[in-house]
Amino acid sequence: MPRLHDRFWSCPCAQRARRGGRPRAGKLDFANNVQLSLTLAALSLGLWWTFDRSRSGLGLGITIAFLATLITQFLVYNGVYQYTSPDFLYIRSWLPCIFFSGGVTVGNIGRQLAMHISFCLLRELNLKAAWLVFLKSHTATESPNAPILKMACDKDSLFS
């Protein structure tokens, strides 16, 4: 019975990789930068539609794309940075699409992180509030002769 390692290396793709051959990968050739820019714009909107679909996400993406493109044009205009073949004022025409996608991505990551942190803080506060209610209800109703387990609890140690 052949081992898994032997079965893997017997497939044609693995043999080609072993010989140093390139795996089959496609390259999209665009006729001009306008076609590339329109394709990237459609993909950027598709990214927003797939992962976000919120007005705030769309607004954040457009704002980031506009401001980052403006800053990049300012840097190129002042000679801090330059493109070999700019085709949209001082920059490449596909750059706003990349900024838009980055803004949507970072916005989603930030939103998920904020929701996670707020959930953890809310859960911690609910546990502390429940513990305080439990302690107050047991200390208020206790009789002097009832055997109750008392816990030393001060405000500073509970909320630190």
C-alpha atoms as a PDB file:
ATOM      1  CA  MET A   1       0.000   0.000   0.000  1.00  0.00           C
ATOM      2  CA  PRO A   2       1.576   3.344  -1.012  1.00  0.00           C
ATOM      3  CA  ARG A   3       2.107   5.965   1.615  1.00  0.00           C
ATOM      4  CA  LEU A   4       0.337   9.324   1.432  1.00  0.00           C
ATOM      5  CA  HIS A   5       3.643  11.015   0.587  1.00  0.00           C
ATOM      6  CA  ASP A   6       4.134   8.730  -2.418  1.00  0.00           C
ATOM      7  CA  ARG A   7       0.578   9.253  -3.646  1.00  0.00           C
ATOM      8  CA  PHE A   8       0.994  13.029  -3.410  1.00  0.00           C
ATOM      9  CA  TRP A   9       4.181  13.107  -5.468  1.00  0.00           C
ATOM     10  CA  SER A  10       2.674  10.847  -8.125  1.00  0.00           C
ATOM     11  CA  CYS A  11       0.116  13.444  -9.271  1.00  0.00           C
ATOM     12  CA  PRO A  12       1.076  15.518 -12.369  1.00  0.00           C
ATOM     13  CA  CYS A  13       0.955  18.889 -10.566  1.00  0.00           C
ATOM     14  CA  ALA A  14       3.350  17.724  -7.874  1.00  0.00           C
ATOM     15  CA  GLN A  15       5.716  16.253 -10.464  1.00  0.00           C
ATOM     16  CA  ARG A  16       5.765  19.552 -12.331  1.00  0.00           C
ATOM     17  CA  ALA A  17       6.453  21.406  -9.053  1.00  0.00           C
ATOM     18  CA  ARG A  18       9.243  18.947  -8.228  1.00  0.00           C
ATOM     19  CA  ARG A  19      10.879  19.640 -11.601  1.00  0.00           C
ATOM     20  CA  GLY A  20      10.608  23.383 -10.969  1.00  0.00           C
ATOM     21  CA  GLY A  21       7.731  23.969 -13.330  1.00  0.00           C
ATOM     22  CA  ARG A  22       5.362  26.823 -12.725  1.00  0.00           C
ATOM     23  CA  PRO A  23       1.837  25.912 -11.657  1.00  0.00           C
ATOM     24  CA  ARG A  24      -0.899  27.021 -14.004  1.00  0.00           C
ATOM     25  CA  ALA A  25      -1.647  30.614 -13.212  1.00  0.00           C
ATOM     26  CA  GLY A  26      -3.434  33.111 -15.381  1.00  0.00           C
ATOM     27  CA  LYS A  27      -2.487  36.695 -15.989  1.00  0.00           C
ATOM     28  CA  LEU A  28      -5.000  39.279 -17.021  1.00  0.00           C
ATOM     29  CA  ASP A  29      -3.723  41.602 -19.714  1.00  0.00           C
ATOM     30  CA  PHE A  30      -5.539  44.912 -19.957  1.00  0.00           C
ATOM     31  CA  ALA A  31      -5.532  46.945 -23.126  1.00  0.00           C
ATOM     32  CA  ASN A  32      -5.094  50.238 -21.244  1.00  0.00           C
ATOM     33  CA  ASN A  33      -5.202  51.707 -17.756  1.00  0.00           C
ATOM     34  CA  VAL A  34      -8.838  52.770 -18.109  1.00  0.00           C
ATOM     35  CA  GLN A  35      -9.879  49.139 -18.509  1.00  0.00           C
ATOM     36  CA  LEU A  36      -7.788  48.205 -15.453  1.00  0.00           C
ATOM     37  CA  SER A  37      -9.281  51.073 -13.447  1.00  0.00           C
ATOM     38  CA  LEU A  38     -12.857  50.163 -14.364  1.00  0.00           C
ATOM     39  CA  THR A  39     -12.222  46.516 -13.477  1.00  0.00           C
ATOM     40  CA  LEU A  40     -10.730  47.503 -10.121  1.00  0.00           C
ATOM     41  CA  ALA A  41     -13.633  49.877  -9.457  1.00  0.00           C
ATOM     42  CA  ALA A  42     -16.111  47.055 -10.086  1.00  0.00           C
ATOM     43  CA  LEU A  43     -14.107  44.703  -7.858  1.00  0.00           C
ATOM     44  CA  SER A  44     -13.904  47.348  -5.124  1.00  0.00           C
ATOM     45  CA  LEU A  45     -17.667  47.869  -5.168  1.00  0.00           C
ATOM     46  CA  GLY A  46     -18.088  44.086  -5.192  1.00  0.00           C
ATOM     47  CA  LEU A  47     -15.870  43.873  -2.115  1.00  0.00           C
ATOM     48  CA  TRP A  48     -18.013  46.470  -0.375  1.00  0.00           C
ATOM     49  CA  TRP A  49     -21.245  44.736  -1.437  1.00  0.00           C
ATOM     50  CA  THR A  50     -20.017  41.295  -0.354  1.00  0.00           C
ATOM     51  CA  PHE A  51     -18.559  42.168   3.044  1.00  0.00           C
ATOM     52  CA  ASP A  52     -20.169  45.408   4.195  1.00  0.00           C
ATOM     53  CA  ARG A  53     -23.337  46.725   2.479  1.00  0.00           C
ATOM     54  CA  SER A  54     -23.633  49.632   4.908  1.00  0.00           C
ATOM     55  CA  ARG A  55     -23.861  53.322   4.130  1.00  0.00           C
ATOM     56  CA  SER A  56     -21.167  54.078   6.660  1.00  0.00           C
ATOM     57  CA  GLY A  57     -18.824  51.551   5.005  1.00  0.00           C
ATOM     58  CA  LEU A  58     -19.473  53.063   1.579  1.00  0.00           C
ATOM     59  CA  GLY A  59     -18.976  56.569   2.959  1.00  0.00           C
ATOM     60  CA  LEU A  60     -15.778  55.539   4.730  1.00  0.00           C
ATOM     61  CA  GLY A  61     -14.414  53.929   1.564  1.00  0.00           C
ATOM     62  CA  ILE A  62     -15.206  56.962  -0.587  1.00  0.00           C
ATOM     63  CA  THR A  63     -13.799  59.369   2.013  1.00  0.00           C
ATOM     64  CA  ILE A  64     -10.588  57.370   2.409  1.00  0.00           C
ATOM     65  CA  ALA A  65     -10.200  57.047  -1.360  1.00  0.00           C
ATOM     66  CA  PHE A  66     -10.704  60.784  -1.874  1.00  0.00           C
ATOM     67  CA  LEU A  67      -8.427  61.938   0.957  1.00  0.00           C
ATOM     68  CA  ALA A  68      -5.668  59.415   0.271  1.00  0.00           C
ATOM     69  CA  THR A  69      -5.700  60.240  -3.445  1.00  0.00           C
ATOM     70  CA  LEU A  70      -5.563  63.950  -2.632  1.00  0.00           C
ATOM     71  CA  ILE A  71      -2.623  63.430  -0.259  1.00  0.00           C
ATOM     72  CA  THR A  72      -0.824  61.257  -2.818  1.00  0.00           C
ATOM     73  CA  GLN A  73      -1.312  63.907  -5.519  1.00  0.00           C
ATOM     74  CA  PHE A  74       0.024  66.553  -3.127  1.00  0.00           C
ATOM     75  CA  LEU A  75       3.111  64.429  -2.390  1.00  0.00           C
ATOM     76  CA  VAL A  76       3.767  63.776  -6.081  1.00  0.00           C
ATOM     77  CA  TYR A  77       3.209  67.426  -6.982  1.00  0.00           C
ATOM     78  CA  ASN A  78       5.777  68.517  -4.376  1.00  0.00           C
ATOM     79  CA  GLY A  79       8.351  65.980  -5.568  1.00  0.00           C
ATOM     80  CA  VAL A  80       8.305  63.734  -2.502  1.00  0.00           C
ATOM     81  CA  TYR A  81       7.163  60.803  -4.604  1.00  0.00           C
ATOM     82  CA  GLN A  82       6.753  60.204  -8.331  1.00  0.00           C
ATOM     83  CA  TYR A  83       5.209  57.679 -10.687  1.00  0.00           C
ATOM     84  CA  THR A  84       6.973  56.549 -13.829  1.00  0.00           C
ATOM     85  CA  SER A  85       3.877  56.994 -15.973  1.00  0.00           C
ATOM     86  CA  PRO A  86       1.040  58.879 -14.269  1.00  0.00           C
ATOM     87  CA  ASP A  87      -2.230  58.864 -16.177  1.00  0.00           C
ATOM     88  CA  PHE A  88      -4.670  60.628 -13.802  1.00  0.00           C
ATOM     89  CA  LEU A  89      -3.397  64.099 -12.935  1.00  0.00           C
ATOM     90  CA  TYR A  90      -0.179  63.192 -11.079  1.00  0.00           C
ATOM     91  CA  ILE A  91      -0.954  59.576 -10.100  1.00  0.00           C
ATOM     92  CA  ARG A  92      -2.089  56.277 -11.582  1.00  0.00           C
ATOM     93  CA  SER A  93      -5.820  55.972 -12.241  1.00  0.00           C
ATOM     94  CA  TRP A  94      -6.224  52.705 -10.316  1.00  0.00           C
ATOM     95  CA  LEU A  95      -4.964  54.123  -7.009  1.00  0.00           C
ATOM     96  CA  PRO A  96      -8.351  55.433  -5.698  1.00  0.00           C
ATOM     97  CA  CYS A  97      -9.845  51.950  -6.151  1.00  0.00           C
ATOM     98  CA  ILE A  98      -7.090  50.442  -4.007  1.00  0.00           C
ATOM     99  CA  PHE A  99      -7.622  53.115  -1.347  1.00  0.00           C
ATOM    100  CA  PHE A 100     -11.379  52.471  -1.400  1.00  0.00           C
ATOM    101  CA  SER A 101     -10.865  48.736  -0.894  1.00  0.00           C
ATOM    102  CA  GLY A 102      -8.407  49.380   1.916  1.00  0.00           C
ATOM    103  CA  GLY A 103     -10.826  51.753   3.624  1.00  0.00           C
ATOM    104  CA  VAL A 104     -13.663  49.220   3.481  1.00  0.00           C
ATOM    105  CA  THR A 105     -11.386  46.445   4.754  1.00  0.00           C
ATOM    106  CA  VAL A 106      -9.922  48.422   7.635  1.00  0.00           C
ATOM    107  CA  GLY A 107     -13.383  49.758   8.504  1.00  0.00           C
ATOM    108  CA  ASN A 108     -14.768  46.222   8.763  1.00  0.00           C
ATOM    109  CA  ILE A 109     -11.839  45.059  10.867  1.00  0.00           C
ATOM    110  CA  GLY A 110     -12.256  48.064  13.176  1.00  0.00           C
ATOM    111  CA  ARG A 111     -16.009  47.509  13.475  1.00  0.00           C
ATOM    112  CA  GLN A 112     -15.562  43.835  14.336  1.00  0.00           C
ATOM    113  CA  LEU A 113     -12.848  44.660  16.867  1.00  0.00           C
ATOM    114  CA  ALA A 114     -14.992  47.352  18.495  1.00  0.00           C
ATOM    115  CA  MET A 115     -17.953  44.968  18.734  1.00  0.00           C
ATOM    116  CA  HIS A 116     -15.751  42.288  20.291  1.00  0.00           C
ATOM    117  CA  ILE A 117     -14.243  44.681  22.830  1.00  0.00           C
ATOM    118  CA  SER A 118     -17.609  46.174  23.763  1.00  0.00           C
ATOM    119  CA  PHE A 119     -19.088  42.682  24.153  1.00  0.00           C
ATOM    120  CA  CYS A 120     -16.241  41.637  26.453  1.00  0.00           C
ATOM    121  CA  LEU A 121     -16.522  44.819  28.528  1.00  0.00           C
ATOM    122  CA  LEU A 122     -20.298  44.491  28.777  1.00  0.00           C
ATOM    123  CA  ARG A 123     -20.012  40.873  29.856  1.00  0.00           C
ATOM    124  CA  GLU A 124     -17.430  41.807  32.490  1.00  0.00           C
ATOM    125  CA  LEU A 125     -19.588  44.659  33.795  1.00  0.00           C
ATOM    126  CA  ASN A 126     -22.651  42.395  33.924  1.00  0.00           C
ATOM    127  CA  LEU A 127     -20.709  39.808  35.931  1.00  0.00           C
ATOM    128  CA  LYS A 128     -19.482  42.445  38.374  1.00  0.00           C
ATOM    129  CA  ALA A 129     -22.976  43.933  38.724  1.00  0.00           C
ATOM    130  CA  ALA A 130     -24.489  40.499  39.318  1.00  0.00           C
ATOM    131  CA  TRP A 131     -21.833  39.769  41.944  1.00  0.00           C
ATOM    132  CA  LEU A 132     -22.570  43.064  43.731  1.00  0.00           C
ATOM    133  CA  VAL A 133     -26.319  42.373  43.701  1.00  0.00           C
ATOM    134  CA  PHE A 134     -25.676  38.909  45.089  1.00  0.00           C
ATOM    135  CA  LEU A 135     -23.467  40.248  47.896  1.00  0.00           C
ATOM    136  CA  LYS A 136     -25.905  43.025  48.819  1.00  0.00           C
ATOM    137  CA  SER A 137     -28.911  40.695  48.856  1.00  0.00           C
ATOM    138  CA  HIS A 138     -27.154  38.199  51.126  1.00  0.00           C
ATOM    139  CA  THR A 139     -25.733  40.744  53.548  1.00  0.00           C
ATOM    140  CA  ALA A 140     -29.040  42.636  53.863  1.00  0.00           C
ATOM    141  CA  THR A 141     -31.137  39.548  54.720  1.00  0.00           C
ATOM    142  CA  GLU A 142     -28.753  37.707  56.956  1.00  0.00           C
ATOM    143  CA  SER A 143     -29.557  37.154  60.581  1.00  0.00           C
ATOM    144  CA  PRO A 144     -26.869  37.384  63.233  1.00  0.00           C
ATOM    145  CA  ASN A 145     -27.125  33.669  64.072  1.00  0.00           C
ATOM    146  CA  ALA A 146     -27.285  32.268  60.481  1.00  0.00           C
ATOM    147  CA  PRO A 147     -24.099  30.539  59.323  1.00  0.00           C
ATOM    148  CA  ILE A 148     -23.266  32.355  56.097  1.00  0.00           C
ATOM    149  CA  LEU A 149     -19.971  32.383  54.278  1.00  0.00           C
ATOM    150  CA  LYS A 150     -18.822  35.975  54.231  1.00  0.00           C
ATOM    151  CA  MET A 151     -16.353  37.198  51.663  1.00  0.00           C
ATOM    152  CA  ALA A 152     -14.167  40.201  52.137  1.00  0.00           C
ATOM    153  CA  CYS A 153     -14.901  42.424  49.193  1.00  0.00           C
ATOM    154  CA  ASP A 154     -13.979  46.057  48.842  1.00  0.00           C
ATOM    155  CA  LYS A 155     -14.790  48.283  45.906  1.00  0.00           C
ATOM    156  CA  ASP A 156     -11.169  48.775  44.795  1.00  0.00           C
ATOM    157  CA  SER A 157     -10.368  45.075  44.537  1.00  0.00           C
ATOM    158  CA  LEU A 158     -13.627  44.275  42.744  1.00  0.00           C
ATOM    159  CA  PHE A 159     -13.188  46.814  39.933  1.00  0.00           C
ATOM    160  CA  SER A 160      -9.441  46.536  39.411  1.00  0.00           C
END
